[in-house]
């Protein structure tokens, strides 16, 4: 964890092209490890597509955090490859109570204006204050 903190935020996006993996690291650093160490509570972060549909349907979410931030997009269409930056990249966190211990992440894509294909977002971790806000709201709500 100490090593991860020495990496500049602007460079984190460069070697982690999978936004979900970057969010898992930030989640562990800001929420999961501190809760485990100081409150003996375990929370698990899952991307929505990682969860079995039956399990997802059975979870009772108490809180939904929806936010926007700056992100990059690159069209997946090999003939298009249009790239753009958007200040309206959307992400949601659905949170269960501490006894269940789930936070479900959904990263929304955007449609390419050139060909209409849906592109996944690559979030700027340095601009991603959302985890800090989520952390404070989360701790304030439950602890």
Foldseek 3Di string as FASTA:
>chain_A
DVVVVVDDLQCPLVPDVDQVVVVQVVCVVQPAVVCCVPVVFGADEEEPVVDDPVVVVPADFDDKDKDWAKWKWFAPPPVPRDIDIDRGWMKMWTHGARVVRYIYIYTAFDADPPPRGTTGTRDRRNGCCVSVVVSVVVVVVHD
